[in-house]
Amino acid sequence: MTDTEKNTQSTTEPTKKTNKEEKSFETALARLNEIVSALEGGSAPLDQSLALYEEGISLVRFCTEKLDAAEAQIKVLTRAENGDIVERDFATE
């Protein structure tokens, strides 16, 4: 097996993470990009593709939760009619 084949195989294999292992948004997003590339390549067997898809769905949920939590922390500063600075929660519209 060539080094390229080894790298491709390790990239496309689903990773097993326990709940105790912390992962960052950036790590999850990078892994999600690897999964998308592997699935778009179409070279993985069906069982492996399904496992990658499931891992990808889990990562999408994780990233969405992280983004929602970050959005909840964002505050917007606005100027009230009387000129005072007012802090309010960020709301997407």
PDB file of N, CA and C in Angstrom:
ATOM      1  N   MET A   1       0.857  -1.178   0.000  1.00  0.00           N
ATOM      2  CA  MET A   1       0.000   0.000   0.000  1.00  0.00           C
ATOM      3  C   MET A   1       0.899   1.237   0.000  1.00  0.00           C
ATOM      4  N   THR A   2       0.615   2.199  -0.872  1.00  0.00           N
ATOM      5  CA  THR A   2       1.417   3.405  -0.966  1.00  0.00           C
ATOM      6  C   THR A   2       1.067   4.361   0.168  1.00  0.00           C
ATOM      7  N   ASP A   3       1.940   5.355   0.392  1.00  0.00           N
ATOM      8  CA  ASP A   3       1.674   6.363   1.423  1.00  0.00           C
ATOM      9  C   ASP A   3       0.398   7.137   1.125  1.00  0.00           C
ATOM     10  N   THR A   4       0.129   7.407  -0.149  1.00  0.00           N
ATOM     11  CA  THR A   4      -1.086   8.131  -0.535  1.00  0.00           C
ATOM     12  C   THR A   4      -2.321   7.323  -0.186  1.00  0.00           C
ATOM     13  N   GLU A   5      -2.279   6.014  -0.452  1.00  0.00           N
ATOM     14  CA  GLU A   5      -3.406   5.149  -0.118  1.00  0.00           C
ATOM     15  C   GLU A   5      -3.619   5.091   1.388  1.00  0.00           C
ATOM     16  N   LYS A   6      -2.531   5.034   2.147  1.00  0.00           N
ATOM     17  CA  LYS A   6      -2.635   5.011   3.604  1.00  0.00           C
ATOM     18  C   LYS A   6      -3.271   6.300   4.112  1.00  0.00           C
ATOM     19  N   ASN A   7      -2.835   7.455   3.583  1.00  0.00           N
ATOM     20  CA  ASN A   7      -3.392   8.742   4.001  1.00  0.00           C
ATOM     21  C   ASN A   7      -4.864   8.851   3.654  1.00  0.00           C
ATOM     22  N   THR A   8      -5.244   8.399   2.469  1.00  0.00           N
ATOM     23  CA  THR A   8      -6.638   8.448   2.044  1.00  0.00           C
ATOM     24  C   THR A   8      -7.482   7.539   2.927  1.00  0.00           C
ATOM     25  N   GLN A   9      -6.962   6.360   3.221  1.00  0.00           N
ATOM     26  CA  GLN A   9      -7.711   5.413   4.039  1.00  0.00           C
ATOM     27  C   GLN A   9      -7.912   5.970   5.444  1.00  0.00           C
ATOM     28  N   SER A  10      -6.884   6.540   6.054  1.00  0.00           N
ATOM     29  CA  SER A  10      -7.026   7.048   7.413  1.00  0.00           C
ATOM     30  C   SER A  10      -7.947   8.256   7.453  1.00  0.00           C
ATOM     31  N   THR A  11      -7.986   9.044   6.399  1.00  0.00           N
ATOM     32  CA  THR A  11      -8.862  10.210   6.350  1.00  0.00           C
ATOM     33  C   THR A  11     -10.316   9.808   6.231  1.00  0.00           C
ATOM     34  N   THR A  12     -10.579   8.734   5.505  1.00  0.00           N
ATOM     35  CA  THR A  12     -11.964   8.361   5.254  1.00  0.00           C
ATOM     36  C   THR A  12     -12.534   7.424   6.307  1.00  0.00           C
ATOM     37  N   GLU A  13     -11.689   6.919   7.201  1.00  0.00           N
ATOM     38  CA  GLU A  13     -12.216   6.034   8.234  1.00  0.00           C
ATOM     39  C   GLU A  13     -12.912   6.857   9.308  1.00  0.00           C
ATOM     40  N   PRO A  14     -14.090   6.426   9.746  1.00  0.00           N
ATOM     41  CA  PRO A  14     -14.792   7.145  10.802  1.00  0.00           C
ATOM     42  C   PRO A  14     -13.959   7.154  12.074  1.00  0.00           C
ATOM     43  N   THR A  15     -14.005   8.262  12.788  1.00  0.00           N
ATOM     44  CA  THR A  15     -13.280   8.341  14.048  1.00  0.00           C
ATOM     45  C   THR A  15     -14.223   8.012  15.176  1.00  0.00           C
ATOM     46  N   LYS A  16     -13.701   7.387  16.184  1.00  0.00           N
ATOM     47  CA  LYS A  16     -14.484   7.034  17.367  1.00  0.00           C
ATOM     48  C   LYS A  16     -14.087   8.001  18.478  1.00  0.00           C
ATOM     49  N   LYS A  17     -15.015   8.830  18.909  1.00  0.00           N
ATOM     50  CA  LYS A  17     -14.772   9.770  20.001  1.00  0.00           C
ATOM     51  C   LYS A  17     -15.693   9.412  21.146  1.00  0.00           C
ATOM     52  N   THR A  18     -15.147   9.445  22.337  1.00  0.00           N
ATOM     53  CA  THR A  18     -15.985   9.242  23.503  1.00  0.00           C
ATOM     54  C   THR A  18     -16.476  10.599  23.979  1.00  0.00           C
ATOM     55  N   ASN A  19     -17.508  10.603  24.827  1.00  0.00           N
ATOM     56  CA  ASN A  19     -18.041  11.853  25.347  1.00  0.00           C
ATOM     57  C   ASN A  19     -17.021  12.588  26.197  1.00  0.00           C
ATOM     58  N   LYS A  20     -16.041  11.874  26.743  1.00  0.00           N
ATOM     59  CA  LYS A  20     -15.045  12.488  27.608  1.00  0.00           C
ATOM     60  C   LYS A  20     -14.039  13.310  26.817  1.00  0.00           C
ATOM     61  N   GLU A  21     -13.880  12.994  25.541  1.00  0.00           N
ATOM     62  CA  GLU A  21     -12.919  13.713  24.716  1.00  0.00           C
ATOM     63  C   GLU A  21     -13.511  15.049  24.284  1.00  0.00           C
ATOM     64  N   GLU A  22     -12.791  16.115  24.581  1.00  0.00           N
ATOM     65  CA  GLU A  22     -13.236  17.439  24.181  1.00  0.00           C
ATOM     66  C   GLU A  22     -12.797  17.702  22.741  1.00  0.00           C
ATOM     67  N   LYS A  23     -13.681  18.303  21.987  1.00  0.00           N
ATOM     68  CA  LYS A  23     -13.312  18.699  20.640  1.00  0.00           C
ATOM     69  C   LYS A  23     -13.719  20.154  20.459  1.00  0.00           C
ATOM     70  N   SER A  24     -12.958  20.843  19.689  1.00  0.00           N
ATOM     71  CA  SER A  24     -13.257  22.244  19.439  1.00  0.00           C
ATOM     72  C   SER A  24     -14.111  22.368  18.182  1.00  0.00           C
ATOM     73  N   PHE A  25     -14.714  23.515  18.029  1.00  0.00           N
ATOM     74  CA  PHE A  25     -15.492  23.803  16.829  1.00  0.00           C
ATOM     75  C   PHE A  25     -14.608  23.652  15.600  1.00  0.00           C
ATOM     76  N   GLU A  26     -13.396  24.191  15.692  1.00  0.00           N
ATOM     77  CA  GLU A  26     -12.484  24.163  14.546  1.00  0.00           C
ATOM     78  C   GLU A  26     -12.088  22.741  14.175  1.00  0.00           C
ATOM     79  N   THR A  27     -11.840  21.896  15.184  1.00  0.00           N
ATOM     80  CA  THR A  27     -11.490  20.498  14.934  1.00  0.00           C
ATOM     81  C   THR A  27     -12.657  19.765  14.289  1.00  0.00           C
ATOM     82  N   ALA A  28     -13.852  19.991  14.822  1.00  0.00           N
ATOM     83  CA  ALA A  28     -15.046  19.343  14.276  1.00  0.00           C
ATOM     84  C   ALA A  28     -15.291  19.787  12.839  1.00  0.00           C
ATOM     85  N   LEU A  29     -15.120  21.068  12.570  1.00  0.00           N
ATOM     86  CA  LEU A  29     -15.332  21.584  11.220  1.00  0.00           C
ATOM     87  C   LEU A  29     -14.305  21.018  10.241  1.00  0.00           C
ATOM     88  N   ALA A  30     -13.059  20.906  10.685  1.00  0.00           N
ATOM     89  CA  ALA A  30     -12.017  20.326   9.828  1.00  0.00           C
ATOM     90  C   ALA A  30     -12.344  18.865   9.507  1.00  0.00           C
ATOM     91  N   ARG A  31     -12.786  18.120  10.511  1.00  0.00           N
ATOM     92  CA  ARG A  31     -13.148  16.721  10.287  1.00  0.00           C
ATOM     93  C   ARG A  31     -14.348  16.615   9.349  1.00  0.00           C
ATOM     94  N   LEU A  32     -15.306  17.519   9.527  1.00  0.00           N
ATOM     95  CA  LEU A  32     -16.478  17.531   8.651  1.00  0.00           C
ATOM     96  C   LEU A  32     -16.060  17.778   7.203  1.00  0.00           C
ATOM     97  N   ASN A  33     -15.115  18.670   6.985  1.00  0.00           N
ATOM     98  CA  ASN A  33     -14.608  18.912   5.627  1.00  0.00           C
ATOM     99  C   ASN A  33     -13.943  17.665   5.053  1.00  0.00           C
ATOM    100  N   GLU A  34     -13.199  16.932   5.893  1.00  0.00           N
ATOM    101  CA  GLU A  34     -12.587  15.678   5.432  1.00  0.00           C
ATOM    102  C   GLU A  34     -13.656  14.675   5.006  1.00  0.00           C
ATOM    103  N   ILE A  35     -14.700  14.587   5.809  1.00  0.00           N
ATOM    104  CA  ILE A  35     -15.779  13.637   5.512  1.00  0.00           C
ATOM    105  C   ILE A  35     -16.470  13.996   4.209  1.00  0.00           C
ATOM    106  N   VAL A  36     -16.756  15.278   4.028  1.00  0.00           N
ATOM    107  CA  VAL A  36     -17.414  15.722   2.795  1.00  0.00           C
ATOM    108  C   VAL A  36     -16.544  15.386   1.588  1.00  0.00           C
ATOM    109  N   SER A  37     -15.245  15.651   1.690  1.00  0.00           N
ATOM    110  CA  SER A  37     -14.334  15.332   0.582  1.00  0.00           C
ATOM    111  C   SER A  37     -14.321  13.835   0.284  1.00  0.00           C
ATOM    112  N   ALA A  38     -14.285  13.035   1.340  1.00  0.00           N
ATOM    113  CA  ALA A  38     -14.263  11.581   1.151  1.00  0.00           C
ATOM    114  C   ALA A  38     -15.551  11.092   0.509  1.00  0.00           C
ATOM    115  N   LEU A  39     -16.685  11.612   0.963  1.00  0.00           N
ATOM    116  CA  LEU A  39     -17.964  11.189   0.396  1.00  0.00           C
ATOM    117  C   LEU A  39     -18.128  11.673  -1.041  1.00  0.00           C
ATOM    118  N   GLU A  40     -17.654  12.879  -1.321  1.00  0.00           N
ATOM    119  CA  GLU A  40     -17.737  13.386  -2.697  1.00  0.00           C
ATOM    120  C   GLU A  40     -16.841  12.584  -3.633  1.00  0.00           C
ATOM    121  N   GLY A  41     -15.730  12.069  -3.104  1.00  0.00           N
ATOM    122  CA  GLY A  41     -14.819  11.261  -3.909  1.00  0.00           C
ATOM    123  C   GLY A  41     -15.452   9.955  -4.362  1.00  0.00           C
ATOM    124  N   GLY A  42     -16.352   9.429  -3.545  1.00  0.00           N
ATOM    125  CA  GLY A  42     -17.081   8.231  -3.916  1.00  0.00           C
ATOM    126  C   GLY A  42     -16.280   6.945  -3.924  1.00  0.00           C
ATOM    127  N   SER A  43     -15.082   6.947  -3.352  1.00  0.00           N
ATOM    128  CA  SER A  43     -14.263   5.741  -3.405  1.00  0.00           C
ATOM    129  C   SER A  43     -14.437   4.836  -2.189  1.00  0.00           C
ATOM    130  N   ALA A  44     -15.128   5.311  -1.156  1.00  0.00           N
ATOM    131  CA  ALA A  44     -15.316   4.502   0.047  1.00  0.00           C
ATOM    132  C   ALA A  44     -16.421   3.477  -0.180  1.00  0.00           C
ATOM    133  N   PRO A  45     -16.274   2.293   0.415  1.00  0.00           N
ATOM    134  CA  PRO A  45     -17.337   1.292   0.318  1.00  0.00           C
ATOM    135  C   PRO A  45     -18.611   1.794   0.995  1.00  0.00           C
ATOM    136  N   LEU A  46     -19.726   1.174   0.687  1.00  0.00           N
ATOM    137  CA  LEU A  46     -21.026   1.618   1.189  1.00  0.00           C
ATOM    138  C   LEU A  46     -21.070   1.686   2.712  1.00  0.00           C
ATOM    139  N   ASP A  47     -20.622   0.631   3.389  1.00  0.00           N
ATOM    140  CA  ASP A  47     -20.661   0.619   4.851  1.00  0.00           C
ATOM    141  C   ASP A  47     -19.846   1.764   5.444  1.00  0.00           C
ATOM    142  N   GLN A  48     -18.683   1.997   4.881  1.00  0.00           N
ATOM    143  CA  GLN A  48     -17.827   3.076   5.357  1.00  0.00           C
ATOM    144  C   GLN A  48     -18.463   4.437   5.044  1.00  0.00           C
ATOM    145  N   SER A  49     -19.075   4.570   3.890  1.00  0.00           N
ATOM    146  CA  SER A  49     -19.752   5.817   3.525  1.00  0.00           C
ATOM    147  C   SER A  49     -20.893   6.120   4.489  1.00  0.00           C
ATOM    148  N   LEU A  50     -21.654   5.091   4.856  1.00  0.00           N
ATOM    149  CA  LEU A  50     -22.742   5.288   5.821  1.00  0.00           C
ATOM    150  C   LEU A  50     -22.211   5.713   7.182  1.00  0.00           C
ATOM    151  N   ALA A  51     -21.123   5.108   7.622  1.00  0.00           N
ATOM    152  CA  ALA A  51     -20.520   5.476   8.898  1.00  0.00           C
ATOM    153  C   ALA A  51     -20.004   6.916   8.855  1.00  0.00           C
ATOM    154  N   LEU A  52     -19.395   7.288   7.746  1.00  0.00           N
ATOM    155  CA  LEU A  52     -18.919   8.672   7.589  1.00  0.00           C
ATOM    156  C   LEU A  52     -20.082   9.651   7.591  1.00  0.00           C
ATOM    157  N   TYR A  53     -21.163   9.281   6.914  1.00  0.00           N
ATOM    158  CA  TYR A  53     -22.349  10.136   6.877  1.00  0.00           C
ATOM    159  C   TYR A  53     -22.888  10.351   8.289  1.00  0.00           C
ATOM    160  N   GLU A  54     -22.997   9.277   9.056  1.00  0.00           N
ATOM    161  CA  GLU A  54     -23.489   9.388  10.432  1.00  0.00           C
ATOM    162  C   GLU A  54     -22.576  10.262  11.284  1.00  0.00           C
ATOM    163  N   GLU A  55     -21.269  10.083  11.118  1.00  0.00           N
ATOM    164  CA  GLU A  55     -20.311  10.919  11.846  1.00  0.00           C
ATOM    165  C   GLU A  55     -20.477  12.378  11.428  1.00  0.00           C
ATOM    166  N   GLY A  56     -20.682  12.601  10.140  1.00  0.00           N
ATOM    167  CA  GLY A  56     -20.873  13.963   9.637  1.00  0.00           C
ATOM    168  C   GLY A  56     -22.105  14.617  10.225  1.00  0.00           C
ATOM    169  N   ILE A  57     -23.205  13.881  10.309  1.00  0.00           N
ATOM    170  CA  ILE A  57     -24.435  14.417  10.899  1.00  0.00           C
ATOM    171  C   ILE A  57     -24.186  14.804  12.351  1.00  0.00           C
ATOM    172  N   SER A  58     -23.485  13.954  13.079  1.00  0.00           N
ATOM    173  CA  SER A  58     -23.151  14.237  14.478  1.00  0.00           C
ATOM    174  C   SER A  58     -22.305  15.507  14.589  1.00  0.00           C
ATOM    175  N   LEU A  59     -21.349  15.658  13.686  1.00  0.00           N
ATOM    176  CA  LEU A  59     -20.500  16.855  13.700  1.00  0.00           C
ATOM    177  C   LEU A  59     -21.283  18.114  13.344  1.00  0.00           C
ATOM    178  N   VAL A  60     -22.215  18.009  12.409  1.00  0.00           N
ATOM    179  CA  VAL A  60     -23.059  19.152  12.053  1.00  0.00           C
ATOM    180  C   VAL A  60     -23.862  19.598  13.269  1.00  0.00           C
ATOM    181  N   ARG A  61     -24.419  18.638  13.996  1.00  0.00           N
ATOM    182  CA  ARG A  61     -25.188  18.967  15.205  1.00  0.00           C
ATOM    183  C   ARG A  61     -24.296  19.641  16.246  1.00  0.00           C
ATOM    184  N   PHE A  62     -23.098  19.095  16.446  1.00  0.00           N
ATOM    185  CA  PHE A  62     -22.150  19.657  17.397  1.00  0.00           C
ATOM    186  C   PHE A  62     -21.803  21.099  17.027  1.00  0.00           C
ATOM    187  N   CYS A  63     -21.469  21.319  15.744  1.00  0.00           N
ATOM    188  CA  CYS A  63     -21.101  22.666  15.289  1.00  0.00           C
ATOM    189  C   CYS A  63     -22.277  23.628  15.424  1.00  0.00           C
ATOM    190  N   THR A  64     -23.469  23.183  15.114  1.00  0.00           N
ATOM    191  CA  THR A  64     -24.662  24.026  15.243  1.00  0.00           C
ATOM    192  C   THR A  64     -24.877  24.430  16.692  1.00  0.00           C
ATOM    193  N   GLU A  65     -24.706  23.486  17.615  1.00  0.00           N
ATOM    194  CA  GLU A  65     -24.849  23.804  19.042  1.00  0.00           C
ATOM    195  C   GLU A  65     -23.815  24.822  19.480  1.00  0.00           C
ATOM    196  N   LYS A  66     -22.575  24.663  19.031  1.00  0.00           N
ATOM    197  CA  LYS A  66     -21.507  25.611  19.374  1.00  0.00           C
ATOM    198  C   LYS A  66     -21.824  27.006  18.821  1.00  0.00           C
ATOM    199  N   LEU A  67     -22.293  27.072  17.573  1.00  0.00           N
ATOM    200  CA  LEU A  67     -22.634  28.361  16.970  1.00  0.00           C
ATOM    201  C   LEU A  67     -23.814  29.013  17.688  1.00  0.00           C
ATOM    202  N   ASP A  68     -24.813  28.217  18.049  1.00  0.00           N
ATOM    203  CA  ASP A  68     -25.962  28.753  18.788  1.00  0.00           C
ATOM    204  C   ASP A  68     -25.531  29.304  20.139  1.00  0.00           C
ATOM    205  N   ALA A  69     -24.632  28.595  20.819  1.00  0.00           N
ATOM    206  CA  ALA A  69     -24.135  29.051  22.115  1.00  0.00           C
ATOM    207  C   ALA A  69     -23.338  30.346  21.959  1.00  0.00           C
ATOM    208  N   ALA A  70     -22.537  30.433  20.924  1.00  0.00           N
ATOM    209  CA  ALA A  70     -21.756  31.646  20.688  1.00  0.00           C
ATOM    210  C   ALA A  70     -22.679  32.824  20.372  1.00  0.00           C
ATOM    211  N   GLU A  71     -23.696  32.567  19.568  1.00  0.00           N
ATOM    212  CA  GLU A  71     -24.652  33.619  19.213  1.00  0.00           C
ATOM    213  C   GLU A  71     -25.374  34.137  20.455  1.00  0.00           C
ATOM    214  N   ALA A  72     -25.677  33.239  21.386  1.00  0.00           N
ATOM    215  CA  ALA A  72     -26.373  33.636  22.614  1.00  0.00           C
ATOM    216  C   ALA A  72     -25.501  34.542  23.477  1.00  0.00           C
ATOM    217  N   GLN A  73     -24.195  34.472  23.304  1.00  0.00           N
ATOM    218  CA  GLN A  73     -23.283  35.290  24.103  1.00  0.00           C
ATOM    219  C   GLN A  73     -23.023  36.669  23.494  1.00  0.00           C
ATOM    220  N   ILE A  74     -23.365  36.850  22.252  1.00  0.00           N
ATOM    221  CA  ILE A  74     -23.078  38.111  21.564  1.00  0.00           C
ATOM    222  C   ILE A  74     -24.069  39.172  22.011  1.00  0.00           C
ATOM    223  N   LYS A  75     -23.555  40.315  22.358  1.00  0.00           N
ATOM    224  CA  LYS A  75     -24.379  41.454  22.746  1.00  0.00           C
ATOM    225  C   LYS A  75     -24.177  42.561  21.715  1.00  0.00           C
ATOM    226  N   VAL A  76     -25.211  43.333  21.500  1.00  0.00           N
ATOM    227  CA  VAL A  76     -25.154  44.440  20.555  1.00  0.00           C
ATOM    228  C   VAL A  76     -25.282  45.729  21.345  1.00  0.00           C
ATOM    229  N   LEU A  77     -24.408  46.661  21.060  1.00  0.00           N
ATOM    230  CA  LEU A  77     -24.488  47.973  21.691  1.00  0.00           C
ATOM    231  C   LEU A  77     -25.194  48.928  20.737  1.00  0.00           C
ATOM    232  N   THR A  78     -26.221  49.593  21.239  1.00  0.00           N
ATOM    233  CA  THR A  78     -26.944  50.575  20.444  1.00  0.00           C
ATOM    234  C   THR A  78     -27.086  51.852  21.249  1.00  0.00           C
ATOM    235  N   ARG A  79     -27.381  52.926  20.562  1.00  0.00           N
ATOM    236  CA  ARG A  79     -27.576  54.207  21.225  1.00  0.00           C
ATOM    237  C   ARG A  79     -29.078  54.456  21.356  1.00  0.00           C
ATOM    238  N   ALA A  80     -29.511  54.688  22.578  1.00  0.00           N
ATOM    239  CA  ALA A  80     -30.919  54.969  22.847  1.00  0.00           C
ATOM    240  C   ALA A  80     -31.254  56.386  22.394  1.00  0.00           C
ATOM    241  N   GLU A  81     -32.538  56.709  22.365  1.00  0.00           N
ATOM    242  CA  GLU A  81     -32.974  58.039  21.933  1.00  0.00           C
ATOM    243  C   GLU A  81     -32.379  59.147  22.790  1.00  0.00           C
ATOM    244  N   ASN A  82     -32.156  58.865  24.073  1.00  0.00           N
ATOM    245  CA  ASN A  82     -31.596  59.882  24.966  1.00  0.00           C
ATOM    246  C   ASN A  82     -30.073  59.970  24.865  1.00  0.00           C
ATOM    247  N   GLY A  83     -29.455  59.152  24.010  1.00  0.00           N
ATOM    248  CA  GLY A  83     -28.015  59.210  23.802  1.00  0.00           C
ATOM    249  C   GLY A  83     -27.226  58.186  24.588  1.00  0.00           C
ATOM    250  N   ASP A  84     -27.881  57.496  25.526  1.00  0.00           N
ATOM    251  CA  ASP A  84     -27.188  56.481  26.319  1.00  0.00           C
ATOM    252  C   ASP A  84     -26.894  55.246  25.465  1.00  0.00           C
ATOM    253  N   ILE A  85     -25.801  54.578  25.821  1.00  0.00           N
ATOM    254  CA  ILE A  85     -25.470  53.319  25.175  1.00  0.00           C
ATOM    255  C   ILE A  85     -26.241  52.200  25.877  1.00  0.00           C
ATOM    256  N   VAL A  86     -26.934  51.386  25.091  1.00  0.00           N
ATOM    257  CA  VAL A  86     -27.754  50.310  25.622  1.00  0.00           C
ATOM    258  C   VAL A  86     -27.244  48.986  25.063  1.00  0.00           C
ATOM    259  N   GLU A  87     -27.143  47.997  25.956  1.00  0.00           N
ATOM    260  CA  GLU A  87     -26.731  46.660  25.550  1.00  0.00           C
ATOM    261  C   GLU A  87     -27.968  45.788  25.405  1.00  0.00           C
ATOM    262  N   ARG A  88     -28.051  45.052  24.279  1.00  0.00           N
ATOM    263  CA  ARG A  88     -29.168  44.140  24.094  1.00  0.00           C
ATOM    264  C   ARG A  88     -28.640  42.855  23.469  1.00  0.00           C
ATOM    265  N   ASP A  89     -29.438  41.810  23.581  1.00  0.00           N
ATOM    266  CA  ASP A  89     -29.058  40.525  23.010  1.00  0.00           C
ATOM    267  C   ASP A  89     -29.065  40.607  21.490  1.00  0.00           C
ATOM    268  N   PHE A  90     -28.157  39.842  20.895  1.00  0.00           N
ATOM    269  CA  PHE A  90     -28.094  39.728  19.448  1.00  0.00           C
ATOM    270  C   PHE A  90     -29.252  38.851  18.990  1.00  0.00           C
ATOM    271  N   ALA A  91     -29.966  39.277  17.982  1.00  0.00           N
ATOM    272  CA  ALA A  91     -31.073  38.494  17.442  1.00  0.00           C
ATOM    273  C   ALA A  91     -30.952  38.448  15.938  1.00  0.00           C
ATOM    274  N   THR A  92     -30.998  37.250  15.393  1.00  0.00           N
ATOM    275  CA  THR A  92     -30.954  37.118  13.931  1.00  0.00           C
ATOM    276  C   THR A  92     -32.369  37.302  13.403  1.00  0.00           C
ATOM    277  N   GLU A  93     -32.440  37.902  12.270  1.00  0.00           N
ATOM    278  CA  GLU A  93     -33.767  38.154  11.672  1.00  0.00           C
ATOM    279  C   GLU A  93     -33.827  37.628  10.287  1.00  0.00           C
TER     280      GLU A  93
END
